[in-house]
Amino acid sequence: MKFSTFRCLTKNGLIGLCFLFLALFSAPESIFAQAKMPNVIYILADDLGYGDLSCYGQDKLQTPNIDRLAHEGMLFTNHYSGNTVCTPSRASLMTGQHPGRVYCRGNLRDEIGAELDLEMTVLPELFKNAGYATGAFGKWGLGVTTRQDAQNPLMHGFDEFYGWKSQMIAHTYYPNSLVYNGNEIPLEPHDYIHDILMERAMSFIERNALSGTPFFCYIPTAVPHAAMHAPPSLHEKWRKAFPQFDDVIGKYGAGEYDLCPDVQNPIAGFAAMMENLDNQIGAILTRLSALGIDENTLVIFTSDNGPHREGGHDPSFWNSSGGLRGMKRDMHEAGIRVPMLARWPGSIPAGSRSDHISAFWDVMPTVADLLDIEAPSQTDGISFLPSLLGNTDQQVKHDYLYWEFRRGAEQTLFSQAIRKGKWKGYWQQGKELEIYDLDVDPFEQNDLATQVPGIVKLMQEIINDAHTPLPISTLPGS
């Protein structure tokens, strides 16, 4: 009898195990399937230059927690932003289109005309369609976030949004309000919005980790964009380090959104902002480890364009460009080449470097590759996932990268740039096309245009091929 009972239980147990395995391998939303879906945290700094991190050579301040992303992951030396200013750079990131095709190619007053196309599949929707929880915390930069139309992040795949109402208001870290899911919430005069948003981002990470839901956490921080506001205690600490700048007052006017208090010693303000951000990146990494999701989370850190000179910030003092030529608003290297760090323990080789030439419009196909889905047909990008995983022999390369930047009320074409292998082409309104060999002249000091007429002709052909007219519907007043 005992033997028969044991045999029956064993048989039933085997049958149960079979059904369990069948369920695990067949159910698309099973725990087993979700466990293989990596979380993604994408941190987008604002106006952070190629030389502003200590892992890229900054020696006046240290960024040890951000540097961890390099030491425990990969540092990219040839990554480029979507443009040389905020809005068009973010448009390229979200759509996967290069600046010769994307609908927005310059900053727009009040972001009118900057909104994403509702008919287009954009980055957060890839995650949303794959079953991810999606959240954005910070500066949207693609329209006023309280409007119940195409400019609201919730209409483009985000489950939740905490952040500034508009790009102009994001010039201050002491706004009158923040926006939560389309609704304005009043802030007290001394509320430092950046800390509030970072804590909300960490809460989003923890909540989804505990529920077992894969997540995409987008953190478009405004640091270190002017004004040079920082938590008071850190600001005072850095004033003691740089007392020689105490007589410097940093001002930042923002028109009708002029909410920016003046800053005494903006040199100290920049250092304090960076230390505060670095501490918060460290807190995120600590929380990932405590939640047990460290090895299932890809963290990417980069910047939307090169360093600025507003609000008293001195990029020359900090060598924010890392020695590269130019800055924000121009198409020389410092305006568009940005840091990019990626960490994914167990998947990305620790302490590795990549010289692969990539840009913001590559992020969308990389995410599609990561999720094992087809990238939207609109994208101009190439997945850099093989580079991330150390499979350099499988990495497809761009024939070229192209940028164009427009400015002013009429969105007049101001500058263009091309990167093709070692060659850099640069054109600015009123000047001739310049050519640089970045292998021997990374700082763009020696224009070779008269010496390499064949390269000049090739670059002009690329411009003609890559540039498309700006859609009339995005022009002001249309």
Protein backbone atom coordinates (compact mmCIF):
# COMPACT_ATOMS: atom_id res chain seq x y z
CA MET A 1 0.00 0.00 0.00
CA LYS A 2 2.79 2.40 0.94
CA PHE A 3 4.62 1.51 -2.26
CA SER A 4 1.50 2.14 -4.36
CA THR A 5 0.87 5.47 -2.65
CA PHE A 6 4.50 6.56 -3.20
CA ARG A 7 4.34 5.51 -6.85
CA CYS A 8 1.12 7.45 -7.31
CA LEU A 9 2.56 10.59 -5.69
CA THR A 10 5.71 10.28 -7.78
CA LYS A 11 3.68 9.94 -10.97
CA ASN A 12 1.47 12.91 -10.05
CA GLY A 13 4.56 14.93 -9.12
CA LEU A 14 6.16 14.24 -12.48
CA ILE A 15 2.96 15.21 -14.27
CA GLY A 16 2.84 18.42 -12.22
CA LEU A 17 6.44 19.24 -13.01
CA CYS A 18 5.77 18.71 -16.70
CA PHE A 19 2.86 21.13 -16.60
CA LEU A 20 4.99 23.62 -14.64
CA PHE A 21 7.78 23.52 -17.22
CA LEU A 22 5.28 23.79 -20.06
CA ALA A 23 3.74 26.85 -18.41
CA LEU A 24 7.09 28.50 -17.81
CA PHE A 25 8.29 28.04 -21.36
CA SER A 26 5.02 28.80 -23.13
CA ALA A 27 3.50 31.71 -21.20
CA PRO A 28 4.80 34.97 -22.70
CA GLU A 29 4.24 36.88 -19.46
CA SER A 30 5.67 34.20 -17.19
CA ILE A 31 8.10 34.95 -14.39
CA PHE A 32 10.74 33.03 -16.35
CA ALA A 33 10.28 35.25 -19.40
CA GLN A 34 10.30 38.43 -17.32
CA ALA A 35 13.49 37.40 -15.52
CA LYS A 36 15.32 37.48 -18.86
CA MET A 37 14.15 41.00 -19.71
CA PRO A 38 16.81 43.47 -18.54
CA ASN A 39 15.80 46.66 -16.83
CA VAL A 40 17.17 49.81 -18.46
CA ILE A 41 18.09 53.08 -16.74
CA TYR A 42 19.05 55.85 -19.18
CA ILE A 43 20.50 58.95 -17.50
CA LEU A 44 20.76 62.00 -19.74
CA ALA A 45 22.82 64.88 -18.34
CA ASP A 46 22.25 68.37 -19.74
CA ASP A 47 25.17 70.36 -21.21
CA LEU A 48 27.75 68.04 -19.64
CA GLY A 49 30.98 68.27 -21.61
CA TYR A 50 33.36 65.56 -22.79
CA GLY A 51 35.82 66.58 -20.05
CA ASP A 52 33.44 67.06 -17.11
CA LEU A 53 33.83 63.55 -15.63
CA SER A 54 36.99 62.38 -13.89
CA CYS A 55 36.95 59.15 -15.89
CA TYR A 56 37.28 61.37 -19.00
CA GLY A 57 40.09 63.46 -17.51
CA GLN A 58 38.45 66.05 -15.22
CA ASP A 59 41.00 66.81 -12.49
CA LYS A 60 39.49 69.74 -10.51
CA LEU A 61 36.67 67.60 -9.15
CA GLN A 62 36.08 63.87 -8.90
CA THR A 63 32.99 61.87 -9.94
CA PRO A 64 33.71 58.49 -8.30
CA ASN A 65 30.19 57.07 -8.54
CA ILE A 66 29.71 57.96 -12.19
CA ASP A 67 33.23 56.63 -12.79
CA ARG A 68 32.02 53.29 -11.41
CA LEU A 69 29.97 52.93 -14.57
CA ALA A 70 33.25 52.99 -16.49
CA HIS A 71 35.25 50.83 -14.09
CA GLU A 72 32.49 48.22 -13.89
CA GLY A 73 31.33 48.63 -17.48
CA MET A 74 32.29 50.35 -20.73
CA LEU A 75 33.52 53.83 -21.64
CA PHE A 76 32.80 55.07 -25.18
CA THR A 77 35.28 57.48 -26.79
CA ASN A 78 33.37 58.22 -30.02
CA HIS A 79 29.74 58.69 -28.97
CA TYR A 80 27.82 61.69 -30.29
CA SER A 81 24.68 63.51 -29.22
CA GLY A 82 21.70 64.05 -31.46
CA ASN A 83 22.49 67.73 -31.90
CA THR A 84 24.34 70.62 -30.30
CA VAL A 85 21.35 71.93 -28.27
CA CYS A 86 18.66 70.35 -26.10
CA THR A 87 15.41 69.90 -28.02
CA PRO A 88 16.66 68.53 -31.37
CA SER A 89 19.08 66.24 -29.55
CA ARG A 90 16.19 64.71 -27.57
CA ALA A 91 14.07 64.50 -30.72
CA SER A 92 16.79 62.39 -32.33
CA LEU A 93 17.04 60.18 -29.24
CA MET A 94 13.31 59.56 -29.13
CA THR A 95 12.73 58.97 -32.85
CA GLY A 96 15.98 57.24 -33.88
CA GLN A 97 16.35 59.71 -36.75
CA HIS A 98 19.48 61.66 -37.63
CA PRO A 99 19.41 65.48 -37.71
CA GLY A 100 19.02 65.61 -41.49
CA ARG A 101 15.66 63.82 -41.29
CA VAL A 102 14.26 64.45 -37.81
CA TYR A 103 11.40 66.93 -37.56
CA CYS A 104 13.18 69.27 -35.11
CA ARG A 105 16.68 70.67 -35.72
CA GLY A 106 16.96 73.61 -33.34
CA ASN A 107 15.57 74.91 -30.06
CA LEU A 108 12.09 76.40 -30.42
CA ARG A 109 10.55 79.17 -28.34
CA ASP A 110 8.23 77.67 -25.71
CA GLU A 111 8.81 74.34 -27.50
CA ILE A 112 5.95 75.08 -29.91
CA GLY A 113 6.53 72.71 -32.81
CA ALA A 114 8.82 70.47 -30.73
CA GLU A 115 6.20 67.85 -29.90
CA LEU A 116 6.62 64.28 -31.10
CA ASP A 117 4.46 62.85 -33.86
CA LEU A 118 1.70 60.68 -32.38
CA GLU A 119 1.83 58.44 -35.44
CA MET A 120 5.51 57.64 -34.93
CA THR A 121 6.80 54.90 -32.64
CA VAL A 122 9.23 56.48 -30.17
CA LEU A 123 11.73 55.05 -27.70
CA PRO A 124 9.57 54.53 -24.58
CA GLU A 125 6.88 52.85 -26.69
CA LEU A 126 9.32 50.06 -27.57
CA PHE A 127 9.58 49.26 -23.87
CA LYS A 128 5.87 49.75 -23.23
CA ASN A 129 4.93 47.39 -26.06
CA ALA A 130 7.31 44.78 -24.59
CA GLY A 131 5.55 44.82 -21.21
CA TYR A 132 7.84 47.21 -19.34
CA ALA A 133 6.84 49.80 -16.78
CA THR A 134 8.07 53.17 -18.05
CA GLY A 135 8.87 56.34 -16.15
CA ALA A 136 10.53 59.68 -16.94
CA PHE A 137 11.91 62.01 -14.29
CA GLY A 138 13.32 65.41 -15.20
CA LYS A 139 13.43 67.65 -18.25
CA TRP A 140 11.30 66.50 -21.18
CA GLY A 141 12.28 69.26 -23.60
CA LEU A 142 9.78 68.23 -26.29
CA GLY A 143 6.79 70.34 -25.38
CA VAL A 144 4.96 71.71 -22.35
CA THR A 145 4.27 68.71 -20.13
CA THR A 146 0.88 69.89 -18.81
CA ARG A 147 -0.79 70.04 -22.22
CA GLN A 148 -3.20 67.21 -22.97
CA ASP A 149 -2.00 66.67 -26.51
CA ALA A 150 1.05 65.35 -28.34
CA GLN A 151 3.47 67.20 -26.07
CA ASN A 152 2.59 65.22 -22.95
CA PRO A 153 5.08 62.39 -22.24
CA LEU A 154 2.20 60.13 -21.19
CA MET A 155 1.01 60.13 -24.80
CA HIS A 156 4.30 58.62 -25.95
CA GLY A 157 4.63 55.47 -23.88
CA PHE A 158 5.45 56.69 -20.39
CA ASP A 159 3.34 55.42 -17.49
CA GLU A 160 4.45 58.29 -15.31
CA PHE A 161 6.27 61.57 -15.58
CA TYR A 162 7.69 63.83 -12.88
CA GLY A 163 9.50 66.93 -14.02
CA TRP A 164 9.61 70.51 -15.15
CA LYS A 165 6.69 72.06 -16.98
CA SER A 166 8.86 73.25 -19.85
CA GLN A 167 12.42 73.48 -21.08
CA MET A 168 12.58 77.19 -20.23
CA ILE A 169 11.46 76.63 -16.64
CA ALA A 170 14.13 73.92 -16.35
CA HIS A 171 16.69 76.75 -16.30
CA THR A 172 16.00 76.96 -12.56
CA TYR A 173 16.17 74.29 -9.86
CA TYR A 174 13.77 76.33 -7.71
CA PRO A 175 10.61 76.53 -9.86
CA ASN A 176 7.19 77.35 -8.47
CA SER A 177 5.88 73.90 -9.36
CA LEU A 178 6.65 70.51 -10.81
CA VAL A 179 4.48 68.39 -13.07
CA TYR A 180 3.23 64.93 -12.16
CA ASN A 181 1.38 63.11 -14.94
CA GLY A 182 0.19 66.31 -16.57
CA ASN A 183 -0.82 68.11 -13.37
CA GLU A 184 1.09 70.96 -11.74
CA ILE A 185 2.02 70.52 -8.08
CA PRO A 186 3.11 73.62 -6.12
CA LEU A 187 6.59 73.68 -4.61
CA GLU A 188 7.88 75.59 -1.61
CA PRO A 189 10.44 78.34 -2.34
CA HIS A 190 13.35 76.28 -0.97
CA ASP A 191 12.44 72.96 -2.61
CA TYR A 192 15.37 71.85 -4.77
CA ILE A 193 13.50 70.10 -7.57
CA HIS A 194 16.39 67.95 -8.73
CA ASP A 195 16.55 66.03 -5.43
CA ILE A 196 12.79 65.49 -5.49
CA LEU A 197 12.92 64.06 -9.01
CA MET A 198 15.85 61.76 -8.29
CA GLU A 199 14.09 60.37 -5.24
CA ARG A 200 10.97 59.76 -7.36
CA ALA A 201 13.10 57.93 -9.91
CA MET A 202 14.57 55.70 -7.21
CA SER A 203 11.09 55.01 -5.85
CA PHE A 204 9.98 53.96 -9.36
CA ILE A 205 12.97 51.60 -9.61
CA GLU A 206 12.29 50.05 -6.21
CA ARG A 207 8.56 49.66 -6.74
CA ASN A 208 8.96 47.80 -10.01
CA ALA A 209 11.87 45.71 -8.80
CA LEU A 210 9.82 44.49 -5.84
CA SER A 211 6.86 43.64 -8.07
CA GLY A 212 9.06 41.78 -10.56
CA THR A 213 8.12 44.13 -13.39
CA PRO A 214 10.82 44.97 -15.94
CA PHE A 215 11.25 48.73 -16.20
CA PHE A 216 12.63 51.54 -18.31
CA CYS A 217 13.65 54.49 -16.14
CA TYR A 218 14.52 57.62 -18.14
CA ILE A 219 16.27 60.30 -16.07
CA PRO A 220 16.84 63.45 -18.17
CA THR A 221 18.45 65.45 -15.37
CA ALA A 222 18.99 69.18 -15.95
CA VAL A 223 22.47 69.04 -14.34
CA PRO A 224 24.76 70.84 -15.12
CA HIS A 225 22.64 73.23 -17.22
CA ALA A 226 22.51 76.79 -15.92
CA ALA A 227 21.51 78.24 -13.54
CA MET A 228 24.30 77.01 -11.25
CA HIS A 229 21.94 76.11 -8.41
CA ALA A 230 22.99 73.40 -5.95
CA PRO A 231 21.98 72.21 -2.47
CA PRO A 232 23.17 74.97 -0.08
CA SER A 233 25.45 72.76 2.05
CA LEU A 234 27.38 71.49 -0.97
CA HIS A 235 27.56 74.98 -2.44
CA GLU A 236 29.11 76.30 0.77
CA LYS A 237 31.61 73.44 0.80
CA TRP A 238 32.84 74.31 -2.70
CA ARG A 239 32.91 78.07 -1.98
CA LYS A 240 35.59 77.26 0.61
CA ALA A 241 37.49 75.32 -2.08
CA PHE A 242 37.27 78.20 -4.58
CA PRO A 243 37.06 81.42 -2.51
CA GLN A 244 38.78 83.41 -5.28
CA PHE A 245 35.49 83.34 -7.23
CA ASP A 246 33.28 84.63 -4.41
CA ASP A 247 32.94 88.01 -6.07
CA VAL A 248 31.53 86.42 -9.25
CA ILE A 249 27.73 86.47 -9.53
CA GLY A 250 26.07 84.07 -11.91
CA LYS A 251 22.90 85.38 -13.54
CA TYR A 252 20.56 83.54 -15.86
CA GLY A 253 17.66 85.36 -17.47
CA ALA A 254 14.92 83.23 -18.97
CA GLY A 255 12.46 85.80 -20.28
CA GLU A 256 8.95 85.37 -18.90
CA TYR A 257 10.18 82.30 -17.02
CA ASP A 258 12.81 84.33 -15.16
CA LEU A 259 12.67 82.31 -11.94
CA CYS A 260 16.45 81.92 -11.55
CA PRO A 261 17.95 83.42 -8.37
CA ASP A 262 21.45 84.82 -8.81
CA VAL A 263 24.29 82.54 -7.73
CA GLN A 264 27.29 83.73 -5.73
CA ASN A 265 30.39 81.90 -6.96
CA PRO A 266 28.98 79.87 -9.89
CA ILE A 267 32.31 77.98 -10.06
CA ALA A 268 31.40 76.50 -6.69
CA GLY A 269 27.85 76.01 -7.91
CA PHE A 270 28.98 73.83 -10.81
CA ALA A 271 31.16 71.66 -8.58
CA ALA A 272 28.35 71.29 -6.05
CA MET A 273 25.86 70.32 -8.74
CA MET A 274 28.22 67.67 -10.06
CA GLU A 275 28.98 66.25 -6.61
CA ASN A 276 25.26 66.08 -5.83
CA LEU A 277 24.51 64.27 -9.10
CA ASP A 278 27.42 61.90 -8.53
CA ASN A 279 26.13 61.06 -5.05
CA GLN A 280 22.71 60.30 -6.51
CA ILE A 281 24.13 57.99 -9.17
CA GLY A 282 25.91 56.19 -6.35
CA ALA A 283 22.61 55.87 -4.48
CA ILE A 284 20.98 54.33 -7.54
CA LEU A 285 23.76 51.75 -7.92
CA THR A 286 23.54 50.90 -4.21
CA ARG A 287 19.79 50.43 -4.47
CA LEU A 288 20.12 48.15 -7.51
CA SER A 289 22.45 45.93 -5.52
CA ALA A 290 20.19 45.94 -2.44
CA LEU A 291 17.20 44.98 -4.60
CA GLY A 292 19.12 42.10 -6.17
CA ILE A 293 18.67 43.39 -9.72
CA ASP A 294 22.19 44.65 -10.32
CA GLU A 295 23.06 42.01 -12.91
CA ASN A 296 19.74 42.40 -14.70
CA THR A 297 19.93 46.16 -15.14
CA LEU A 298 21.65 48.09 -17.91
CA VAL A 299 22.61 51.62 -16.84
CA ILE A 300 23.62 54.15 -19.51
CA PHE A 301 24.90 57.64 -18.72
CA THR A 302 25.46 60.33 -21.36
CA SER A 303 24.82 64.02 -22.18
CA ASP A 304 22.54 65.83 -24.63
CA ASN A 305 25.28 68.09 -26.05
CA GLY A 306 28.51 69.86 -25.18
CA PRO A 307 29.28 72.34 -22.39
CA HIS A 308 27.60 75.74 -22.05
CA ARG A 309 28.76 79.19 -20.91
CA GLU A 310 25.58 80.52 -19.28
CA GLY A 311 24.79 81.47 -15.69
CA GLY A 312 28.42 82.13 -14.77
CA HIS A 313 29.67 78.68 -15.76
CA ASP A 314 33.26 78.79 -17.01
CA PRO A 315 33.96 75.79 -19.27
CA SER A 316 37.55 76.98 -19.80
CA PHE A 317 38.30 76.85 -16.07
CA TRP A 318 36.92 73.33 -15.85
CA ASN A 319 38.24 72.22 -19.27
CA SER A 320 34.72 70.97 -19.82
CA SER A 321 35.44 70.22 -23.47
CA GLY A 322 38.30 67.89 -22.60
CA GLY A 323 40.47 69.88 -24.99
CA LEU A 324 38.12 69.44 -27.94
CA ARG A 325 37.26 72.46 -30.04
CA GLY A 326 33.98 74.29 -29.59
CA MET A 327 31.09 74.07 -27.17
CA LYS A 328 27.29 73.97 -27.11
CA ARG A 329 25.65 75.50 -30.22
CA ASP A 330 28.42 74.66 -32.64
CA MET A 331 29.24 71.55 -34.62
CA HIS A 332 32.91 71.25 -33.74
CA GLU A 333 33.67 68.15 -31.68
CA ALA A 334 33.07 69.63 -28.23
CA GLY A 335 29.55 70.65 -29.24
CA ILE A 336 28.44 67.12 -30.14
CA ARG A 337 30.92 64.50 -28.88
CA VAL A 338 29.74 63.46 -25.43
CA PRO A 339 30.63 60.98 -22.70
CA MET A 340 28.77 57.68 -22.74
CA LEU A 341 29.16 55.02 -20.06
CA ALA A 342 27.31 51.71 -19.90
CA ARG A 343 27.22 49.22 -17.02
CA TRP A 344 25.56 45.81 -16.97
CA PRO A 345 27.42 43.44 -14.62
CA GLY A 346 27.97 40.01 -16.13
CA SER A 347 27.08 41.20 -19.64
CA ILE A 348 29.28 44.22 -20.37
CA PRO A 349 33.00 43.54 -19.80
CA ALA A 350 34.18 45.49 -16.76
CA GLY A 351 36.74 48.23 -17.37
CA SER A 352 36.32 48.06 -21.13
CA ARG A 353 36.51 50.85 -23.73
CA SER A 354 34.92 51.21 -27.13
CA ASP A 355 36.06 53.42 -30.01
CA HIS A 356 32.94 52.51 -32.01
CA ILE A 357 31.48 55.63 -33.67
CA SER A 358 27.85 55.95 -32.53
CA ALA A 359 25.17 58.58 -31.96
CA PHE A 360 21.81 59.16 -30.28
CA TRP A 361 19.86 57.78 -33.22
CA ASP A 362 21.53 54.42 -32.54
CA VAL A 363 19.82 54.07 -29.15
CA MET A 364 16.45 53.03 -30.60
CA PRO A 365 17.79 50.13 -32.71
CA THR A 366 20.02 49.11 -29.79
CA VAL A 367 16.97 48.88 -27.55
CA ALA A 368 15.08 46.93 -30.22
CA ASP A 369 18.06 44.56 -30.43
CA LEU A 370 18.10 44.21 -26.65
CA LEU A 371 14.38 43.40 -26.56
CA ASP A 372 14.69 41.11 -29.60
CA ILE A 373 12.13 43.06 -31.59
CA GLU A 374 12.24 44.82 -34.95
CA ALA A 375 13.31 48.47 -34.90
CA PRO A 376 10.80 50.96 -36.34
CA SER A 377 11.40 51.60 -40.03
CA GLN A 378 11.83 55.33 -39.39
CA THR A 379 15.20 54.90 -37.65
CA ASP A 380 18.53 55.85 -39.23
CA GLY A 381 20.50 54.15 -36.47
CA ILE A 382 22.55 51.00 -36.06
CA SER A 383 22.45 48.87 -32.91
CA PHE A 384 25.61 49.11 -30.80
CA LEU A 385 24.58 46.13 -28.65
CA PRO A 386 27.42 43.99 -30.10
CA SER A 387 29.91 46.62 -28.87
CA LEU A 388 28.27 46.70 -25.44
CA LEU A 389 28.60 42.93 -25.11
CA GLY A 390 32.19 42.92 -26.31
CA ASN A 391 31.37 41.31 -29.68
CA THR A 392 33.27 43.86 -31.75
CA ASP A 393 33.62 41.48 -34.69
CA GLN A 394 29.82 41.53 -35.06
CA GLN A 395 29.47 45.32 -34.85
CA VAL A 396 28.08 46.98 -37.98
CA LYS A 397 29.51 50.45 -38.61
CA HIS A 398 28.03 53.63 -39.99
CA ASP A 399 29.05 54.80 -43.42
CA TYR A 400 28.79 58.32 -41.95
CA LEU A 401 27.13 60.42 -39.26
CA TYR A 402 25.47 63.72 -40.18
CA TRP A 403 24.21 66.71 -38.18
CA GLU A 404 22.61 70.02 -38.96
CA PHE A 405 21.69 72.79 -36.55
CA ARG A 406 19.11 75.53 -37.08
CA ARG A 407 18.54 78.60 -34.95
CA GLY A 408 16.43 81.71 -34.61
CA ALA A 409 12.71 82.30 -35.07
CA GLU A 410 12.89 81.22 -38.71
CA GLN A 411 14.97 78.12 -37.94
CA THR A 412 17.68 79.19 -40.39
CA LEU A 413 20.28 76.57 -41.25
CA PHE A 414 23.37 77.62 -39.30
CA SER A 415 25.83 74.71 -39.35
CA GLN A 416 26.38 71.15 -40.58
CA ALA A 417 28.84 68.39 -39.71
CA ILE A 418 29.79 64.97 -41.05
CA ARG A 419 31.85 62.22 -39.43
CA LYS A 420 33.06 59.56 -41.88
CA GLY A 421 35.70 57.34 -40.35
CA LYS A 422 38.63 59.58 -39.45
CA TRP A 423 37.34 62.48 -41.56
CA LYS A 424 35.30 65.36 -40.13
CA GLY A 425 33.50 67.86 -42.32
CA TYR A 426 32.32 71.15 -40.80
CA TRP A 427 30.32 73.95 -42.41
CA GLN A 428 29.02 77.14 -40.82
CA GLN A 429 26.86 79.82 -42.35
CA GLY A 430 29.01 82.29 -44.28
CA LYS A 431 32.08 80.03 -44.38
CA GLU A 432 33.54 77.35 -46.63
CA LEU A 433 33.40 73.64 -45.82
CA GLU A 434 36.28 72.66 -43.51
CA ILE A 435 37.91 69.23 -43.39
CA TYR A 436 39.78 67.67 -40.45
CA ASP A 437 41.59 64.37 -39.96
CA LEU A 438 40.50 63.42 -36.44
CA ASP A 439 43.07 60.61 -36.19
CA VAL A 440 45.96 63.10 -36.20
CA ASP A 441 44.06 66.28 -35.35
CA PRO A 442 41.31 65.48 -32.82
CA PHE A 443 41.19 69.12 -31.73
CA GLU A 444 40.36 70.38 -35.27
CA GLN A 445 43.27 72.80 -35.55
CA ASN A 446 44.35 72.14 -39.15
CA ASP A 447 41.77 72.62 -41.92
CA LEU A 448 42.80 70.33 -44.81
CA ALA A 449 40.10 71.40 -47.29
CA THR A 450 42.52 72.82 -49.85
CA GLN A 451 44.74 69.73 -49.62
CA VAL A 452 42.08 67.04 -50.04
CA PRO A 453 39.65 68.19 -52.75
CA GLY A 454 38.39 64.63 -53.15
CA ILE A 455 37.28 64.52 -49.51
CA VAL A 456 35.63 67.95 -49.90
CA LYS A 457 33.63 66.61 -52.85
CA LEU A 458 32.71 63.44 -50.93
CA MET A 459 31.54 65.43 -47.90
CA GLN A 460 29.40 67.67 -50.09
CA GLU A 461 27.81 64.59 -51.65
CA ILE A 462 27.04 63.26 -48.16
CA ILE A 463 25.44 66.58 -47.19
CA ASN A 464 23.27 66.50 -50.31
CA ASP A 465 22.24 62.92 -49.55
CA ALA A 466 21.64 63.30 -45.80
CA HIS A 467 19.91 66.68 -45.70
CA THR A 468 16.17 66.76 -46.26
CA PRO A 469 14.03 69.91 -46.09
CA LEU A 470 12.66 70.72 -42.64
CA PRO A 471 8.95 69.78 -42.58
CA ILE A 472 6.92 72.95 -43.05
CA SER A 473 4.56 71.96 -40.24
CA THR A 474 7.37 72.34 -37.68
CA LEU A 475 8.29 75.89 -38.66
CA PRO A 476 7.10 78.65 -36.30
CA GLY A 477 3.71 80.05 -37.24
CA SER A 478 2.77 77.13 -39.51
